[in-house]
Amino acid sequence: MLNSVQREAREKILYYLESETRGGCFYLIGGHVSGKTYLLKQLAQEICGSDENILNLNFYVSQKVLQEPNYEKLAKFHSPKFKVLITNGLKELFRDKNNFSETVFRDRIIYLLLIDHLEILYEYDVNFIPLLDSLSVRKGWEKKVILSIPGKVSNQRIYAFGKTSCTIPKFSTQFWTELY
Protein backbone atom coordinates (compact mmCIF):
# COMPACT_ATOMS: atom_id res chain seq x y z
CA MET A 1 0.00 0.00 0.00
CA LEU A 2 1.34 3.42 -0.94
CA ASN A 3 1.81 6.11 1.70
CA SER A 4 0.53 9.67 1.15
CA VAL A 5 3.81 10.92 -0.36
CA GLN A 6 3.94 7.98 -2.75
CA ARG A 7 0.27 8.49 -3.72
CA GLU A 8 1.01 12.14 -4.52
CA ALA A 9 4.05 11.10 -6.59
CA ARG A 10 1.93 8.48 -8.37
CA GLU A 11 -0.60 11.14 -9.37
CA LYS A 12 2.17 13.35 -10.78
CA ILE A 13 3.56 10.39 -12.74
CA LEU A 14 0.13 9.52 -14.14
CA TYR A 15 -0.29 13.16 -15.20
CA TYR A 16 3.10 12.96 -16.98
CA LEU A 17 2.06 9.74 -18.72
CA GLU A 18 -1.19 11.21 -20.02
CA SER A 19 0.45 14.48 -21.12
CA GLU A 20 1.36 14.65 -24.76
CA THR A 21 4.97 15.76 -24.63
CA ARG A 22 7.80 15.82 -27.14
CA GLY A 23 9.81 13.81 -24.68
CA GLY A 24 11.75 14.32 -21.53
CA CYS A 25 11.86 12.11 -18.51
CA PHE A 26 10.02 12.02 -15.21
CA TYR A 27 12.45 12.10 -12.29
CA LEU A 28 11.41 10.31 -9.10
CA ILE A 29 13.94 11.58 -6.56
CA GLY A 30 14.43 10.48 -2.98
CA GLY A 31 16.70 9.06 -0.34
CA HIS A 32 17.64 5.44 0.09
CA VAL A 33 14.65 3.40 1.37
CA SER A 34 12.27 6.30 0.63
CA GLY A 35 10.02 4.02 -1.44
CA LYS A 36 11.13 4.85 -4.99
CA THR A 37 11.56 1.23 -6.08
CA TYR A 38 8.33 0.18 -4.40
CA LEU A 39 6.44 2.93 -6.22
CA LEU A 40 8.03 1.95 -9.55
CA LYS A 41 6.96 -1.67 -8.99
CA GLN A 42 3.42 -0.59 -8.19
CA LEU A 43 3.28 1.57 -11.33
CA ALA A 44 4.72 -1.19 -13.49
CA GLN A 45 2.05 -3.60 -12.21
CA GLU A 46 -0.71 -1.04 -12.75
CA ILE A 47 0.34 0.15 -16.21
CA CYS A 48 2.19 -2.80 -17.76
CA GLY A 49 0.70 -5.70 -15.81
CA SER A 50 4.09 -6.80 -14.45
CA ASP A 51 6.94 -5.39 -12.38
CA GLU A 52 9.41 -7.24 -14.61
CA ASN A 53 9.55 -4.14 -16.81
CA ILE A 54 11.89 -2.17 -14.52
CA LEU A 55 15.40 -1.81 -15.91
CA ASN A 56 18.33 -2.00 -13.48
CA LEU A 57 20.57 0.57 -15.18
CA ASN A 58 23.70 -0.38 -13.21
CA PHE A 59 23.37 -3.95 -14.51
CA TYR A 60 22.55 -2.85 -18.08
CA VAL A 61 25.55 -0.50 -18.30
CA SER A 62 27.85 -3.07 -16.67
CA GLN A 63 26.86 -5.68 -19.26
CA LYS A 64 27.67 -3.23 -22.06
CA VAL A 65 31.02 -2.24 -20.57
CA LEU A 66 32.07 -5.85 -19.86
CA GLN A 67 32.16 -6.42 -23.61
CA GLU A 68 34.98 -3.88 -23.91
CA PRO A 69 38.58 -5.20 -23.94
CA ASN A 70 40.55 -4.07 -20.86
CA TYR A 71 37.39 -2.83 -19.14
CA GLU A 72 39.03 -3.32 -15.70
CA LYS A 73 41.64 -0.67 -16.45
CA LEU A 74 39.08 1.70 -17.91
CA ALA A 75 36.87 1.44 -14.83
CA LYS A 76 39.66 1.44 -12.25
CA PHE A 77 41.32 4.58 -13.49
CA HIS A 78 38.13 6.44 -14.42
CA SER A 79 39.23 6.63 -18.02
CA PRO A 80 37.38 9.18 -20.18
CA LYS A 81 36.73 6.28 -22.56
CA PHE A 82 34.69 4.59 -19.82
CA LYS A 83 32.38 7.60 -19.65
CA VAL A 84 32.01 7.44 -23.46
CA LEU A 85 31.13 3.72 -23.21
CA ILE A 86 28.42 4.50 -20.65
CA THR A 87 27.02 7.34 -22.76
CA ASN A 88 26.98 5.15 -25.88
CA GLY A 89 25.23 2.38 -23.92
CA LEU A 90 22.54 4.85 -22.87
CA LYS A 91 22.11 6.04 -26.45
CA GLU A 92 21.70 2.44 -27.61
CA LEU A 93 19.16 1.77 -24.84
CA PHE A 94 16.97 4.72 -25.84
CA ARG A 95 17.27 4.12 -29.58
CA ASP A 96 15.90 0.56 -29.47
CA LYS A 97 12.11 0.45 -29.23
CA ASN A 98 12.34 -3.13 -27.88
CA ASN A 99 13.71 -1.78 -24.59
CA PHE A 100 10.42 0.02 -23.97
CA SER A 101 7.15 -1.60 -22.91
CA GLU A 102 4.46 -0.89 -25.45
CA THR A 103 1.27 -0.24 -23.54
CA VAL A 104 -2.08 1.43 -23.96
CA PHE A 105 -2.51 4.17 -21.42
CA ARG A 106 -5.75 6.15 -21.38
CA ASP A 107 -6.61 5.24 -24.99
CA ARG A 108 -3.13 6.02 -26.41
CA ILE A 109 -0.18 3.82 -27.19
CA ILE A 110 2.93 4.83 -25.27
CA TYR A 111 6.34 3.24 -24.98
CA LEU A 112 7.35 3.16 -21.34
CA LEU A 113 10.78 2.67 -19.83
CA LEU A 114 11.09 2.43 -16.05
CA ILE A 115 14.66 2.82 -14.77
CA ASP A 116 16.00 2.09 -11.30
CA HIS A 117 19.50 1.70 -9.84
CA LEU A 118 21.49 4.27 -11.78
CA GLU A 119 24.23 5.02 -9.25
CA ILE A 120 26.91 4.17 -11.83
CA LEU A 121 26.04 7.45 -13.58
CA TYR A 122 27.02 9.33 -10.42
CA GLU A 123 30.20 7.33 -9.99
CA TYR A 124 31.51 8.18 -13.45
CA ASP A 125 30.20 11.75 -13.50
CA VAL A 126 27.92 11.26 -16.48
CA ASN A 127 25.90 14.46 -16.87
CA PHE A 128 22.77 12.38 -17.27
CA ILE A 129 19.86 14.81 -16.85
CA PRO A 130 20.39 16.67 -20.16
CA LEU A 131 21.57 13.48 -21.87
CA LEU A 132 18.53 11.41 -20.91
CA ASP A 133 16.13 14.25 -21.61
CA SER A 134 17.56 14.64 -25.12
CA LEU A 135 17.52 10.87 -25.72
CA SER A 136 13.89 10.57 -24.65
CA VAL A 137 12.62 13.03 -27.26
CA ARG A 138 10.33 11.03 -29.47
CA LYS A 139 11.11 10.37 -33.05
CA GLY A 140 7.99 8.78 -34.51
CA TRP A 141 6.87 7.06 -31.31
CA GLU A 142 5.92 8.37 -27.89
CA LYS A 143 8.63 7.57 -25.36
CA LYS A 144 7.87 7.93 -21.67
CA VAL A 145 10.73 7.40 -19.23
CA ILE A 146 10.50 7.31 -15.45
CA LEU A 147 13.80 7.37 -13.57
CA SER A 148 14.29 6.62 -9.90
CA ILE A 149 17.16 8.78 -8.67
CA PRO A 150 18.77 8.59 -5.23
CA GLY A 151 19.32 12.15 -4.10
CA LYS A 152 17.88 15.34 -2.73
CA VAL A 153 16.66 18.41 -4.62
CA SER A 154 17.71 21.92 -3.70
CA ASN A 155 17.63 25.02 -5.94
CA GLN A 156 16.67 22.94 -8.99
CA ARG A 157 19.75 20.72 -8.51
CA ILE A 158 19.95 17.09 -7.52
CA TYR A 159 22.51 16.26 -4.85
CA ALA A 160 23.66 12.66 -4.63
CA PHE A 161 23.82 11.05 -1.22
CA GLY A 162 27.27 10.10 -0.01
CA LYS A 163 29.10 12.15 -2.65
CA THR A 164 28.93 15.81 -1.76
CA SER A 165 31.01 16.70 -4.81
CA CYS A 166 28.44 15.20 -7.16
CA THR A 167 25.70 17.61 -8.12
CA ILE A 168 23.61 17.45 -11.22
CA PRO A 169 23.27 20.73 -13.12
CA LYS A 170 19.95 22.51 -13.02
CA PHE A 171 17.15 20.63 -14.63
CA SER A 172 14.26 22.48 -16.14
CA THR A 173 11.62 19.81 -16.45
CA GLN A 174 8.28 20.21 -14.77
CA PHE A 175 8.06 16.42 -14.47
CA TRP A 176 9.68 15.48 -11.20
CA THR A 177 8.80 14.77 -7.61
CA GLU A 178 10.72 14.07 -4.46
CA LEU A 179 10.00 11.33 -1.92
CA TYR A 180 11.12 12.16 1.59
C-alpha atoms as a PDB file:
ATOM      1  CA  MET A   1       0.000   0.000   0.000  1.00  0.00           C
ATOM      2  CA  LEU A   2       1.340   3.420  -0.937  1.00  0.00           C
ATOM      3  CA  ASN A   3       1.809   6.105   1.698  1.00  0.00           C
ATOM      4  CA  SER A   4       0.531   9.666   1.152  1.00  0.00           C
ATOM      5  CA  VAL A   5       3.806  10.922  -0.361  1.00  0.00           C
ATOM      6  CA  GLN A   6       3.941   7.980  -2.754  1.00  0.00           C
ATOM      7  CA  ARG A   7       0.275   8.485  -3.718  1.00  0.00           C
ATOM      8  CA  GLU A   8       1.009  12.137  -4.516  1.00  0.00           C
ATOM      9  CA  ALA A   9       4.049  11.101  -6.586  1.00  0.00           C
ATOM     10  CA  ARG A  10       1.929   8.476  -8.371  1.00  0.00           C
ATOM     11  CA  GLU A  11      -0.600  11.144  -9.367  1.00  0.00           C
ATOM     12  CA  LYS A  12       2.173  13.348 -10.782  1.00  0.00           C
ATOM     13  CA  ILE A  13       3.558  10.392 -12.743  1.00  0.00           C
ATOM     14  CA  LEU A  14       0.131   9.519 -14.139  1.00  0.00           C
ATOM     15  CA  TYR A  15      -0.289  13.159 -15.204  1.00  0.00           C
ATOM     16  CA  TYR A  16       3.096  12.959 -16.980  1.00  0.00           C
ATOM     17  CA  LEU A  17       2.060   9.739 -18.723  1.00  0.00           C
ATOM     18  CA  GLU A  18      -1.190  11.213 -20.018  1.00  0.00           C
ATOM     19  CA  SER A  19       0.449  14.479 -21.116  1.00  0.00           C
ATOM     20  CA  GLU A  20       1.362  14.647 -24.760  1.00  0.00           C
ATOM     21  CA  THR A  21       4.967  15.757 -24.633  1.00  0.00           C
ATOM     22  CA  ARG A  22       7.800  15.820 -27.138  1.00  0.00           C
ATOM     23  CA  GLY A  23       9.814  13.808 -24.684  1.00  0.00           C
ATOM     24  CA  GLY A  24      11.750  14.318 -21.535  1.00  0.00           C
ATOM     25  CA  CYS A  25      11.858  12.110 -18.509  1.00  0.00           C
ATOM     26  CA  PHE A  26      10.017  12.025 -15.210  1.00  0.00           C
ATOM     27  CA  TYR A  27      12.450  12.098 -12.288  1.00  0.00           C
ATOM     28  CA  LEU A  28      11.409  10.308  -9.097  1.00  0.00           C
ATOM     29  CA  ILE A  29      13.941  11.583  -6.563  1.00  0.00           C
ATOM     30  CA  GLY A  30      14.431  10.475  -2.980  1.00  0.00           C
ATOM     31  CA  GLY A  31      16.703   9.062  -0.340  1.00  0.00           C
ATOM     32  CA  HIS A  32      17.637   5.435   0.085  1.00  0.00           C
ATOM     33  CA  VAL A  33      14.651   3.404   1.369  1.00  0.00           C
ATOM     34  CA  SER A  34      12.268   6.298   0.629  1.00  0.00           C
ATOM     35  CA  GLY A  35      10.017   4.015  -1.436  1.00  0.00           C
ATOM     36  CA  LYS A  36      11.125   4.855  -4.989  1.00  0.00           C
ATOM     37  CA  THR A  37      11.559   1.235  -6.084  1.00  0.00           C
ATOM     38  CA  TYR A  38       8.335   0.176  -4.397  1.00  0.00           C
ATOM     39  CA  LEU A  39       6.439   2.934  -6.220  1.00  0.00           C
ATOM     40  CA  LEU A  40       8.032   1.955  -9.551  1.00  0.00           C
ATOM     41  CA  LYS A  41       6.962  -1.669  -8.989  1.00  0.00           C
ATOM     42  CA  GLN A  42       3.416  -0.594  -8.186  1.00  0.00           C
ATOM     43  CA  LEU A  43       3.280   1.572 -11.326  1.00  0.00           C
ATOM     44  CA  ALA A  44       4.719  -1.191 -13.491  1.00  0.00           C
ATOM     45  CA  GLN A  45       2.051  -3.599 -12.212  1.00  0.00           C
ATOM     46  CA  GLU A  46      -0.706  -1.041 -12.751  1.00  0.00           C
ATOM     47  CA  ILE A  47       0.344   0.152 -16.209  1.00  0.00           C
ATOM     48  CA  CYS A  48       2.194  -2.799 -17.759  1.00  0.00           C
ATOM     49  CA  GLY A  49       0.700  -5.696 -15.809  1.00  0.00           C
ATOM     50  CA  SER A  50       4.094  -6.795 -14.449  1.00  0.00           C
ATOM     51  CA  ASP A  51       6.944  -5.394 -12.384  1.00  0.00           C
ATOM     52  CA  GLU A  52       9.409  -7.243 -14.615  1.00  0.00           C
ATOM     53  CA  ASN A  53       9.549  -4.136 -16.805  1.00  0.00           C
ATOM     54  CA  ILE A  54      11.888  -2.173 -14.525  1.00  0.00           C
ATOM     55  CA  LEU A  55      15.397  -1.805 -15.906  1.00  0.00           C
ATOM     56  CA  ASN A  56      18.331  -2.002 -13.485  1.00  0.00           C
ATOM     57  CA  LEU A  57      20.574   0.567 -15.177  1.00  0.00           C
ATOM     58  CA  ASN A  58      23.696  -0.376 -13.209  1.00  0.00           C
ATOM     59  CA  PHE A  59      23.367  -3.949 -14.513  1.00  0.00           C
ATOM     60  CA  TYR A  60      22.550  -2.848 -18.075  1.00  0.00           C
ATOM     61  CA  VAL A  61      25.552  -0.502 -18.300  1.00  0.00           C
ATOM     62  CA  SER A  62      27.847  -3.075 -16.665  1.00  0.00           C
ATOM     63  CA  GLN A  63      26.862  -5.680 -19.259  1.00  0.00           C
ATOM     64  CA  LYS A  64      27.666  -3.234 -22.063  1.00  0.00           C
ATOM     65  CA  VAL A  65      31.021  -2.244 -20.572  1.00  0.00           C
ATOM     66  CA  LEU A  66      32.071  -5.847 -19.855  1.00  0.00           C
ATOM     67  CA  GLN A  67      32.159  -6.421 -23.615  1.00  0.00           C
ATOM     68  CA  GLU A  68      34.979  -3.875 -23.913  1.00  0.00           C
ATOM     69  CA  PRO A  69      38.580  -5.196 -23.942  1.00  0.00           C
ATOM     70  CA  ASN A  70      40.549  -4.069 -20.856  1.00  0.00           C
ATOM     71  CA  TYR A  71      37.395  -2.831 -19.138  1.00  0.00           C
ATOM     72  CA  GLU A  72      39.030  -3.318 -15.699  1.00  0.00           C
ATOM     73  CA  LYS A  73      41.642  -0.671 -16.447  1.00  0.00           C
ATOM     74  CA  LEU A  74      39.083   1.698 -17.910  1.00  0.00           C
ATOM     75  CA  ALA A  75      36.873   1.442 -14.826  1.00  0.00           C
ATOM     76  CA  LYS A  76      39.660   1.437 -12.248  1.00  0.00           C
ATOM     77  CA  PHE A  77      41.325   4.578 -13.494  1.00  0.00           C
ATOM     78  CA  HIS A  78      38.129   6.442 -14.424  1.00  0.00           C
ATOM     79  CA  SER A  79      39.230   6.627 -18.018  1.00  0.00           C
ATOM     80  CA  PRO A  80      37.382   9.180 -20.183  1.00  0.00           C
ATOM     81  CA  LYS A  81      36.734   6.279 -22.560  1.00  0.00           C
ATOM     82  CA  PHE A  82      34.692   4.586 -19.818  1.00  0.00           C
ATOM     83  CA  LYS A  83      32.382   7.603 -19.654  1.00  0.00           C
ATOM     84  CA  VAL A  84      32.005   7.436 -23.459  1.00  0.00           C
ATOM     85  CA  LEU A  85      31.127   3.723 -23.209  1.00  0.00           C
ATOM     86  CA  ILE A  86      28.420   4.503 -20.646  1.00  0.00           C
ATOM     87  CA  THR A  87      27.024   7.338 -22.761  1.00  0.00           C
ATOM     88  CA  ASN A  88      26.983   5.149 -25.880  1.00  0.00           C
ATOM     89  CA  GLY A  89      25.234   2.382 -23.922  1.00  0.00           C
ATOM     90  CA  LEU A  90      22.538   4.849 -22.872  1.00  0.00           C
ATOM     91  CA  LYS A  91      22.110   6.041 -26.450  1.00  0.00           C
ATOM     92  CA  GLU A  92      21.703   2.442 -27.608  1.00  0.00           C
ATOM     93  CA  LEU A  93      19.164   1.769 -24.841  1.00  0.00           C
ATOM     94  CA  PHE A  94      16.974   4.716 -25.841  1.00  0.00           C
ATOM     95  CA  ARG A  95      17.272   4.116 -29.578  1.00  0.00           C
ATOM     96  CA  ASP A  96      15.896   0.556 -29.471  1.00  0.00           C
ATOM     97  CA  LYS A  97      12.107   0.446 -29.230  1.00  0.00           C
ATOM     98  CA  ASN A  98      12.341  -3.128 -27.881  1.00  0.00           C
ATOM     99  CA  ASN A  99      13.714  -1.781 -24.592  1.00  0.00           C
ATOM    100  CA  PHE A 100      10.420   0.016 -23.974  1.00  0.00           C
ATOM    101  CA  SER A 101       7.153  -1.604 -22.906  1.00  0.00           C
ATOM    102  CA  GLU A 102       4.458  -0.887 -25.452  1.00  0.00           C
ATOM    103  CA  THR A 103       1.268  -0.240 -23.537  1.00  0.00           C
ATOM    104  CA  VAL A 104      -2.080   1.431 -23.962  1.00  0.00           C
ATOM    105  CA  PHE A 105      -2.513   4.170 -21.419  1.00  0.00           C
ATOM    106  CA  ARG A 106      -5.751   6.153 -21.384  1.00  0.00           C
ATOM    107  CA  ASP A 107      -6.607   5.236 -24.988  1.00  0.00           C
ATOM    108  CA  ARG A 108      -3.130   6.016 -26.412  1.00  0.00           C
ATOM    109  CA  ILE A 109      -0.182   3.818 -27.189  1.00  0.00           C
ATOM    110  CA  ILE A 110       2.931   4.827 -25.272  1.00  0.00           C
ATOM    111  CA  TYR A 111       6.339   3.240 -24.979  1.00  0.00           C
ATOM    112  CA  LEU A 112       7.355   3.158 -21.339  1.00  0.00           C
ATOM    113  CA  LEU A 113      10.784   2.674 -19.826  1.00  0.00           C
ATOM    114  CA  LEU A 114      11.091   2.432 -16.048  1.00  0.00           C
ATOM    115  CA  ILE A 115      14.661   2.818 -14.766  1.00  0.00           C
ATOM    116  CA  ASP A 116      15.997   2.091 -11.296  1.00  0.00           C
ATOM    117  CA  HIS A 117      19.498   1.699  -9.836  1.00  0.00           C
ATOM    118  CA  LEU A 118      21.493   4.273 -11.776  1.00  0.00           C
ATOM    119  CA  GLU A 119      24.232   5.020  -9.247  1.00  0.00           C
ATOM    120  CA  ILE A 120      26.909   4.174 -11.829  1.00  0.00           C
ATOM    121  CA  LEU A 121      26.044   7.451 -13.578  1.00  0.00           C
ATOM    122  CA  TYR A 122      27.017   9.334 -10.421  1.00  0.00           C
ATOM    123  CA  GLU A 123      30.204   7.328  -9.991  1.00  0.00           C
ATOM    124  CA  TYR A 124      31.513   8.185 -13.446  1.00  0.00           C
ATOM    125  CA  ASP A 125      30.199  11.747 -13.502  1.00  0.00           C
ATOM    126  CA  VAL A 126      27.922  11.262 -16.477  1.00  0.00           C
ATOM    127  CA  ASN A 127      25.902  14.459 -16.873  1.00  0.00           C
ATOM    128  CA  PHE A 128      22.772  12.376 -17.268  1.00  0.00           C
ATOM    129  CA  ILE A 129      19.856  14.812 -16.852  1.00  0.00           C
ATOM    130  CA  PRO A 130      20.385  16.673 -20.164  1.00  0.00           C
ATOM    131  CA  LEU A 131      21.569  13.477 -21.874  1.00  0.00           C
ATOM    132  CA  LEU A 132      18.526  11.414 -20.907  1.00  0.00           C
ATOM    133  CA  ASP A 133      16.127  14.255 -21.612  1.00  0.00           C
ATOM    134  CA  SER A 134      17.556  14.637 -25.122  1.00  0.00           C
ATOM    135  CA  LEU A 135      17.517  10.865 -25.717  1.00  0.00           C
ATOM    136  CA  SER A 136      13.895  10.570 -24.651  1.00  0.00           C
ATOM    137  CA  VAL A 137      12.619  13.030 -27.259  1.00  0.00           C
ATOM    138  CA  ARG A 138      10.325  11.028 -29.467  1.00  0.00           C
ATOM    139  CA  LYS A 139      11.105  10.368 -33.055  1.00  0.00           C
ATOM    140  CA  GLY A 140       7.993   8.778 -34.512  1.00  0.00           C
ATOM    141  CA  TRP A 141       6.869   7.062 -31.310  1.00  0.00           C
ATOM    142  CA  GLU A 142       5.921   8.372 -27.887  1.00  0.00           C
ATOM    143  CA  LYS A 143       8.629   7.571 -25.356  1.00  0.00           C
ATOM    144  CA  LYS A 144       7.866   7.935 -21.666  1.00  0.00           C
ATOM    145  CA  VAL A 145      10.728   7.403 -19.234  1.00  0.00           C
ATOM    146  CA  ILE A 146      10.505   7.312 -15.452  1.00  0.00           C
ATOM    147  CA  LEU A 147      13.799   7.375 -13.569  1.00  0.00           C
ATOM    148  CA  SER A 148      14.287   6.616  -9.905  1.00  0.00           C
ATOM    149  CA  ILE A 149      17.161   8.776  -8.670  1.00  0.00           C
ATOM    150  CA  PRO A 150      18.772   8.592  -5.229  1.00  0.00           C
ATOM    151  CA  GLY A 151      19.324  12.150  -4.098  1.00  0.00           C
ATOM    152  CA  LYS A 152      17.875  15.338  -2.734  1.00  0.00           C
ATOM    153  CA  VAL A 153      16.660  18.409  -4.620  1.00  0.00           C
ATOM    154  CA  SER A 154      17.706  21.918  -3.700  1.00  0.00           C
ATOM    155  CA  ASN A 155      17.632  25.019  -5.939  1.00  0.00           C
ATOM    156  CA  GLN A 156      16.671  22.942  -8.994  1.00  0.00           C
ATOM    157  CA  ARG A 157      19.754  20.717  -8.513  1.00  0.00           C
ATOM    158  CA  ILE A 158      19.948  17.087  -7.516  1.00  0.00           C
ATOM    159  CA  TYR A 159      22.508  16.263  -4.845  1.00  0.00           C
ATOM    160  CA  ALA A 160      23.657  12.664  -4.634  1.00  0.00           C
ATOM    161  CA  PHE A 161      23.821  11.051  -1.225  1.00  0.00           C
ATOM    162  CA  GLY A 162      27.274  10.101  -0.009  1.00  0.00           C
ATOM    163  CA  LYS A 163      29.098  12.150  -2.654  1.00  0.00           C
ATOM    164  CA  THR A 164      28.931  15.811  -1.764  1.00  0.00           C
ATOM    165  CA  SER A 165      31.008  16.699  -4.814  1.00  0.00           C
ATOM    166  CA  CYS A 166      28.436  15.201  -7.163  1.00  0.00           C
ATOM    167  CA  THR A 167      25.699  17.609  -8.117  1.00  0.00           C
ATOM    168  CA  ILE A 168      23.613  17.450 -11.216  1.00  0.00           C
ATOM    169  CA  PRO A 169      23.271  20.732 -13.116  1.00  0.00           C
ATOM    170  CA  LYS A 170      19.947  22.510 -13.017  1.00  0.00           C
ATOM    171  CA  PHE A 171      17.154  20.628 -14.630  1.00  0.00           C
ATOM    172  CA  SER A 172      14.260  22.484 -16.136  1.00  0.00           C
ATOM    173  CA  THR A 173      11.623  19.806 -16.450  1.00  0.00           C
ATOM    174  CA  GLN A 174       8.277  20.205 -14.768  1.00  0.00           C
ATOM    175  CA  PHE A 175       8.059  16.424 -14.469  1.00  0.00           C
ATOM    176  CA  TRP A 176       9.679  15.478 -11.201  1.00  0.00           C
ATOM    177  CA  THR A 177       8.804  14.775  -7.608  1.00  0.00           C
ATOM    178  CA  GLU A 178      10.723  14.066  -4.456  1.00  0.00           C
ATOM    179  CA  LEU A 179      10.000  11.325  -1.919  1.00  0.00           C
ATOM    180  CA  TYR A 180      11.116  12.158   1.591  1.00  0.00           C
END
